[in-house]
Every structure is written in structure tokens, then in C-alpha cells.
Amino acid sequence: MSPSRIFSLIKTPCGRAKFNELNTQKGLLSRIRLGWFVFFAAIRDWNLKNPDQSEGSES
């Protein structure tokens, strides 16, 4: 998944920073931890507004 797609799921600045940190690490366990993080961050941020979308762009 591209970062823009992930950032539509992870909406908090701290979550996005943690995603970028985990995404730079290599190895099997690091990839598993990244997937685990994305899964739970997406659940936590489900009801939050996406800060990348402006208020006037709704159609």
C-alpha cells in the first residue's frame, strides 16, 4: 500500500510519524510489527476526520 492510502487510514500526526519510523525498518519481524500497527491504528482512527481533506472539497 502506498503512504497516501495508509494516511487515509492513519489520521493522527503521531500515528503517521510512527508509521514512517516502522516503515524504514527491514526484516520479517519489523514487517509483521508494521502490519500489526497499521491494523490497530486504522481501527483507532476510524471515526476521526482526515486532516488531509479540506472542509470545502466535499461533493
PDB file of N, CA and C in Angstrom:
ATOM      1  N   MET A   1       0.836  -1.179   0.000  1.00  0.00           N
ATOM      2  CA  MET A   1       0.000   0.000   0.000  1.00  0.00           C
ATOM      3  C   MET A   1       0.882   1.243   0.000  1.00  0.00           C
ATOM      4  N   SER A   2       0.438   2.234  -0.706  1.00  0.00           N
ATOM      5  CA  SER A   2       1.199   3.474  -0.767  1.00  0.00           C
ATOM      6  C   SER A   2       0.940   4.302   0.496  1.00  0.00           C
ATOM      7  N   PRO A   3       1.883   5.180   0.849  1.00  0.00           N
ATOM      8  CA  PRO A   3       1.689   6.017   2.037  1.00  0.00           C
ATOM      9  C   PRO A   3       0.427   6.871   1.970  1.00  0.00           C
ATOM     10  N   SER A   4       0.029   7.335   0.788  1.00  0.00           N
ATOM     11  CA  SER A   4      -1.189   8.139   0.709  1.00  0.00           C
ATOM     12  C   SER A   4      -2.418   7.304   1.076  1.00  0.00           C
ATOM     13  N   ARG A   5      -2.436   6.051   0.707  1.00  0.00           N
ATOM     14  CA  ARG A   5      -3.545   5.155   1.070  1.00  0.00           C
ATOM     15  C   ARG A   5      -3.509   4.863   2.568  1.00  0.00           C
ATOM     16  N   ILE A   6      -2.340   4.639   3.099  1.00  0.00           N
ATOM     17  CA  ILE A   6      -2.199   4.379   4.530  1.00  0.00           C
ATOM     18  C   ILE A   6      -2.606   5.604   5.332  1.00  0.00           C
ATOM     19  N   PHE A   7      -2.228   6.793   4.860  1.00  0.00           N
ATOM     20  CA  PHE A   7      -2.550   8.011   5.593  1.00  0.00           C
ATOM     21  C   PHE A   7      -4.030   8.338   5.553  1.00  0.00           C
ATOM     22  N   SER A   8      -4.807   7.700   4.674  1.00  0.00           N
ATOM     23  CA  SER A   8      -6.256   7.857   4.737  1.00  0.00           C
ATOM     24  C   SER A   8      -6.821   6.998   5.864  1.00  0.00           C
ATOM     25  N   LEU A   9      -6.056   6.022   6.329  1.00  0.00           N
ATOM     26  CA  LEU A   9      -6.463   5.184   7.448  1.00  0.00           C
ATOM     27  C   LEU A   9      -5.880   5.664   8.770  1.00  0.00           C
ATOM     28  N   ILE A  10      -4.610   6.088   8.749  1.00  0.00           N
ATOM     29  CA  ILE A  10      -3.931   6.591   9.941  1.00  0.00           C
ATOM     30  C   ILE A  10      -3.994   8.111   9.870  1.00  0.00           C
ATOM     31  N   LYS A  11      -4.751   8.716  10.771  1.00  0.00           N
ATOM     32  CA  LYS A  11      -5.071  10.125  10.633  1.00  0.00           C
ATOM     33  C   LYS A  11      -4.379  11.033  11.643  1.00  0.00           C
ATOM     34  N   THR A  12      -3.800  10.488  12.695  1.00  0.00           N
ATOM     35  CA  THR A  12      -3.156  11.332  13.696  1.00  0.00           C
ATOM     36  C   THR A  12      -1.694  11.575  13.323  1.00  0.00           C
ATOM     37  N   PRO A  13      -1.165  12.749  13.656  1.00  0.00           N
ATOM     38  CA  PRO A  13       0.246  13.038  13.343  1.00  0.00           C
ATOM     39  C   PRO A  13       1.220  12.070  14.020  1.00  0.00           C
ATOM     40  N   CYS A  14       0.922  11.692  15.259  1.00  0.00           N
ATOM     41  CA  CYS A  14       1.822  10.764  15.949  1.00  0.00           C
ATOM     42  C   CYS A  14       1.767   9.367  15.318  1.00  0.00           C
ATOM     43  N   GLY A  15       0.586   8.965  14.853  1.00  0.00           N
ATOM     44  CA  GLY A  15       0.451   7.676  14.180  1.00  0.00           C
ATOM     45  C   GLY A  15       1.193   7.650  12.863  1.00  0.00           C
ATOM     46  N   ARG A  16       1.124   8.759  12.132  1.00  0.00           N
ATOM     47  CA  ARG A  16       1.841   8.848  10.855  1.00  0.00           C
ATOM     48  C   ARG A  16       3.349   8.843  11.067  1.00  0.00           C
ATOM     49  N   ALA A  17       3.809   9.503  12.125  1.00  0.00           N
ATOM     50  CA  ALA A  17       5.241   9.508  12.432  1.00  0.00           C
ATOM     51  C   ALA A  17       5.708   8.099  12.796  1.00  0.00           C
ATOM     52  N   LYS A  18       4.915   7.394  13.585  1.00  0.00           N
ATOM     53  CA  LYS A  18       5.266   6.025  13.973  1.00  0.00           C
ATOM     54  C   LYS A  18       5.265   5.109  12.753  1.00  0.00           C
ATOM     55  N   PHE A  19       4.299   5.300  11.839  1.00  0.00           N
ATOM     56  CA  PHE A  19       4.265   4.510  10.611  1.00  0.00           C
ATOM     57  C   PHE A  19       5.547   4.721   9.813  1.00  0.00           C
ATOM     58  N   ASN A  20       5.964   5.988   9.647  1.00  0.00           N
ATOM     59  CA  ASN A  20       7.189   6.278   8.899  1.00  0.00           C
ATOM     60  C   ASN A  20       8.407   5.652   9.559  1.00  0.00           C
ATOM     61  N   GLU A  21       8.445   5.672  10.887  1.00  0.00           N
ATOM     62  CA  GLU A  21       9.555   5.059  11.619  1.00  0.00           C
ATOM     63  C   GLU A  21       9.585   3.549  11.407  1.00  0.00           C
ATOM     64  N   LEU A  22       8.434   2.900  11.536  1.00  0.00           N
ATOM     65  CA  LEU A  22       8.371   1.448  11.375  1.00  0.00           C
ATOM     66  C   LEU A  22       8.591   1.030   9.928  1.00  0.00           C
ATOM     67  N   ASN A  23       8.197   1.861   8.989  1.00  0.00           N
ATOM     68  CA  ASN A  23       8.319   1.535   7.575  1.00  0.00           C
ATOM     69  C   ASN A  23       9.777   1.531   7.104  1.00  0.00           C
ATOM     70  N   THR A  24      10.653   2.254   7.789  1.00  0.00           N
ATOM     71  CA  THR A  24      12.060   2.297   7.386  1.00  0.00           C
ATOM     72  C   THR A  24      12.842   1.069   7.864  1.00  0.00           C
ATOM     73  N   GLN A  25      12.301   0.351   8.838  1.00  0.00           N
ATOM     74  CA  GLN A  25      13.000  -0.815   9.382  1.00  0.00           C
ATOM     75  C   GLN A  25      12.822  -2.014   8.456  1.00  0.00           C
ATOM     76  N   LYS A  26      13.860  -2.820   8.352  1.00  0.00           N
ATOM     77  CA  LYS A  26      13.850  -4.006   7.493  1.00  0.00           C
ATOM     78  C   LYS A  26      13.787  -5.265   8.340  1.00  0.00           C
ATOM     79  N   GLY A  27      13.364  -6.334   7.740  1.00  0.00           N
ATOM     80  CA  GLY A  27      13.321  -7.620   8.421  1.00  0.00           C
ATOM     81  C   GLY A  27      11.898  -8.138   8.562  1.00  0.00           C
ATOM     82  N   LEU A  28      11.783  -9.415   8.766  1.00  0.00           N
ATOM     83  CA  LEU A  28      10.480 -10.067   8.847  1.00  0.00           C
ATOM     84  C   LEU A  28       9.680  -9.596  10.062  1.00  0.00           C
ATOM     85  N   LEU A  29      10.304  -9.571  11.229  1.00  0.00           N
ATOM     86  CA  LEU A  29       9.596  -9.141  12.429  1.00  0.00           C
ATOM     87  C   LEU A  29       9.188  -7.674  12.348  1.00  0.00           C
ATOM     88  N   SER A  30       9.991  -6.858  11.708  1.00  0.00           N
ATOM     89  CA  SER A  30       9.650  -5.449  11.531  1.00  0.00           C
ATOM     90  C   SER A  30       8.439  -5.291  10.635  1.00  0.00           C
ATOM     91  N   ARG A  31       8.354  -6.088   9.589  1.00  0.00           N
ATOM     92  CA  ARG A  31       7.202  -6.034   8.678  1.00  0.00           C
ATOM     93  C   ARG A  31       5.925  -6.514   9.377  1.00  0.00           C
ATOM     94  N   ILE A  32       6.059  -7.534  10.210  1.00  0.00           N
ATOM     95  CA  ILE A  32       4.907  -8.031  10.970  1.00  0.00           C
ATOM     96  C   ILE A  32       4.433  -6.957  11.945  1.00  0.00           C
ATOM     97  N   ARG A  33       5.372  -6.308  12.618  1.00  0.00           N
ATOM     98  CA  ARG A  33       5.017  -5.241  13.559  1.00  0.00           C
ATOM     99  C   ARG A  33       4.364  -4.074  12.826  1.00  0.00           C
ATOM    100  N   LEU A  34       4.840  -3.743  11.638  1.00  0.00           N
ATOM    101  CA  LEU A  34       4.243  -2.668  10.848  1.00  0.00           C
ATOM    102  C   LEU A  34       2.794  -3.009  10.485  1.00  0.00           C
ATOM    103  N   GLY A  35       2.553  -4.211  10.047  1.00  0.00           N
ATOM    104  CA  GLY A  35       1.195  -4.628   9.729  1.00  0.00           C
ATOM    105  C   GLY A  35       0.284  -4.603  10.943  1.00  0.00           C
ATOM    106  N   TRP A  36       0.800  -5.055  12.073  1.00  0.00           N
ATOM    107  CA  TRP A  36       0.063  -5.034  13.331  1.00  0.00           C
ATOM    108  C   TRP A  36      -0.289  -3.597  13.702  1.00  0.00           C
ATOM    109  N   PHE A  37       0.683  -2.696  13.581  1.00  0.00           N
ATOM    110  CA  PHE A  37       0.463  -1.288  13.901  1.00  0.00           C
ATOM    111  C   PHE A  37      -0.591  -0.668  12.990  1.00  0.00           C
ATOM    112  N   VAL A  38      -0.499  -0.898  11.683  1.00  0.00           N
ATOM    113  CA  VAL A  38      -1.455  -0.321  10.732  1.00  0.00           C
ATOM    114  C   VAL A  38      -2.859  -0.821  11.028  1.00  0.00           C
ATOM    115  N   PHE A  39      -3.000  -2.089  11.336  1.00  0.00           N
ATOM    116  CA  PHE A  39      -4.306  -2.664  11.639  1.00  0.00           C
ATOM    117  C   PHE A  39      -4.960  -1.956  12.822  1.00  0.00           C
ATOM    118  N   PHE A  40      -4.235  -1.848  13.929  1.00  0.00           N
ATOM    119  CA  PHE A  40      -4.820  -1.252  15.125  1.00  0.00           C
ATOM    120  C   PHE A  40      -4.926   0.269  15.030  1.00  0.00           C
ATOM    121  N   ALA A  41      -4.015   0.922  14.342  1.00  0.00           N
ATOM    122  CA  ALA A  41      -4.119   2.370  14.157  1.00  0.00           C
ATOM    123  C   ALA A  41      -5.327   2.713  13.303  1.00  0.00           C
ATOM    124  N   ALA A  42      -5.602   1.913  12.298  1.00  0.00           N
ATOM    125  CA  ALA A  42      -6.772   2.152  11.446  1.00  0.00           C
ATOM    126  C   ALA A  42      -8.067   1.986  12.241  1.00  0.00           C
ATOM    127  N   ILE A  43      -8.101   1.016  13.128  1.00  0.00           N
ATOM    128  CA  ILE A  43      -9.284   0.826  13.970  1.00  0.00           C
ATOM    129  C   ILE A  43      -9.459   2.012  14.921  1.00  0.00           C
ATOM    130  N   ARG A  44      -8.371   2.450  15.538  1.00  0.00           N
ATOM    131  CA  ARG A  44      -8.460   3.572  16.480  1.00  0.00           C
ATOM    132  C   ARG A  44      -8.882   4.865  15.798  1.00  0.00           C
ATOM    133  N   ASP A  45      -8.399   5.099  14.582  1.00  0.00           N
ATOM    134  CA  ASP A  45      -8.652   6.360  13.881  1.00  0.00           C
ATOM    135  C   ASP A  45      -9.881   6.314  12.985  1.00  0.00           C
ATOM    136  N   TRP A  46     -10.663   5.252  13.058  1.00  0.00           N
ATOM    137  CA  TRP A  46     -11.808   5.052  12.176  1.00  0.00           C
ATOM    138  C   TRP A  46     -12.766   6.246  12.188  1.00  0.00           C
ATOM    139  N   ASN A  47     -13.091   6.772  13.366  1.00  0.00           N
ATOM    140  CA  ASN A  47     -14.087   7.834  13.495  1.00  0.00           C
ATOM    141  C   ASN A  47     -13.511   9.246  13.401  1.00  0.00           C
ATOM    142  N   LEU A  48     -12.224   9.396  13.231  1.00  0.00           N
ATOM    143  CA  LEU A  48     -11.615  10.722  13.141  1.00  0.00           C
ATOM    144  C   LEU A  48     -11.720  11.265  11.725  1.00  0.00           C
ATOM    145  N   LYS A  49     -11.768  12.591  11.619  1.00  0.00           N
ATOM    146  CA  LYS A  49     -11.744  13.225  10.306  1.00  0.00           C
ATOM    147  C   LYS A  49     -10.336  13.156   9.740  1.00  0.00           C
ATOM    148  N   ASN A  50     -10.250  13.054   8.435  1.00  0.00           N
ATOM    149  CA  ASN A  50      -8.956  13.022   7.766  1.00  0.00           C
ATOM    150  C   ASN A  50      -8.437  14.454   7.645  1.00  0.00           C
ATOM    151  N   PRO A  51      -7.288  14.786   8.250  1.00  0.00           N
ATOM    152  CA  PRO A  51      -6.783  16.152   8.202  1.00  0.00           C
ATOM    153  C   PRO A  51      -6.295  16.570   6.811  1.00  0.00           C
ATOM    154  N   ASP A  52      -6.097  15.629   5.896  1.00  0.00           N
ATOM    155  CA  ASP A  52      -5.631  15.947   4.557  1.00  0.00           C
ATOM    156  C   ASP A  52      -6.747  16.481   3.667  1.00  0.00           C
ATOM    157  N   GLN A  53      -7.983  16.215   4.014  1.00  0.00           N
ATOM    158  CA  GLN A  53      -9.117  16.663   3.213  1.00  0.00           C
ATOM    159  C   GLN A  53      -9.589  18.010   3.748  1.00  0.00           C
ATOM    160  N   SER A  54      -9.733  18.959   2.850  1.00  0.00           N
ATOM    161  CA  SER A  54     -10.205  20.284   3.283  1.00  0.00           C
ATOM    162  C   SER A  54     -11.711  20.262   3.475  1.00  0.00           C
ATOM    163  N   GLU A  55     -12.211  21.208   4.226  1.00  0.00           N
ATOM    164  CA  GLU A  55     -13.635  21.273   4.554  1.00  0.00           C
ATOM    165  C   GLU A  55     -14.498  21.520   3.313  1.00  0.00           C
ATOM    166  N   GLY A  56     -14.026  22.328   2.350  1.00  0.00           N
ATOM    167  CA  GLY A  56     -14.819  22.701   1.203  1.00  0.00           C
ATOM    168  C   GLY A  56     -14.783  21.728   0.047  1.00  0.00           C
ATOM    169  N   SER A  57     -14.015  20.658   0.134  1.00  0.00           N
ATOM    170  CA  SER A  57     -13.868  19.747  -1.009  1.00  0.00           C
ATOM    171  C   SER A  57     -14.877  18.617  -1.011  1.00  0.00           C
ATOM    172  N   GLU A  58     -15.839  18.646  -0.093  1.00  0.00           N
ATOM    173  CA  GLU A  58     -16.832  17.581  -0.062  1.00  0.00           C
ATOM    174  C   GLU A  58     -17.806  17.743  -1.216  1.00  0.00           C
ATOM    175  N   SER A  59     -18.130  16.628  -1.896  1.00  0.00           N
ATOM    176  CA  SER A  59     -19.050  16.684  -3.033  1.00  0.00           C
ATOM    177  C   SER A  59     -20.358  16.032  -2.693  1.00  0.00           C
TER     178      SER A  59
END
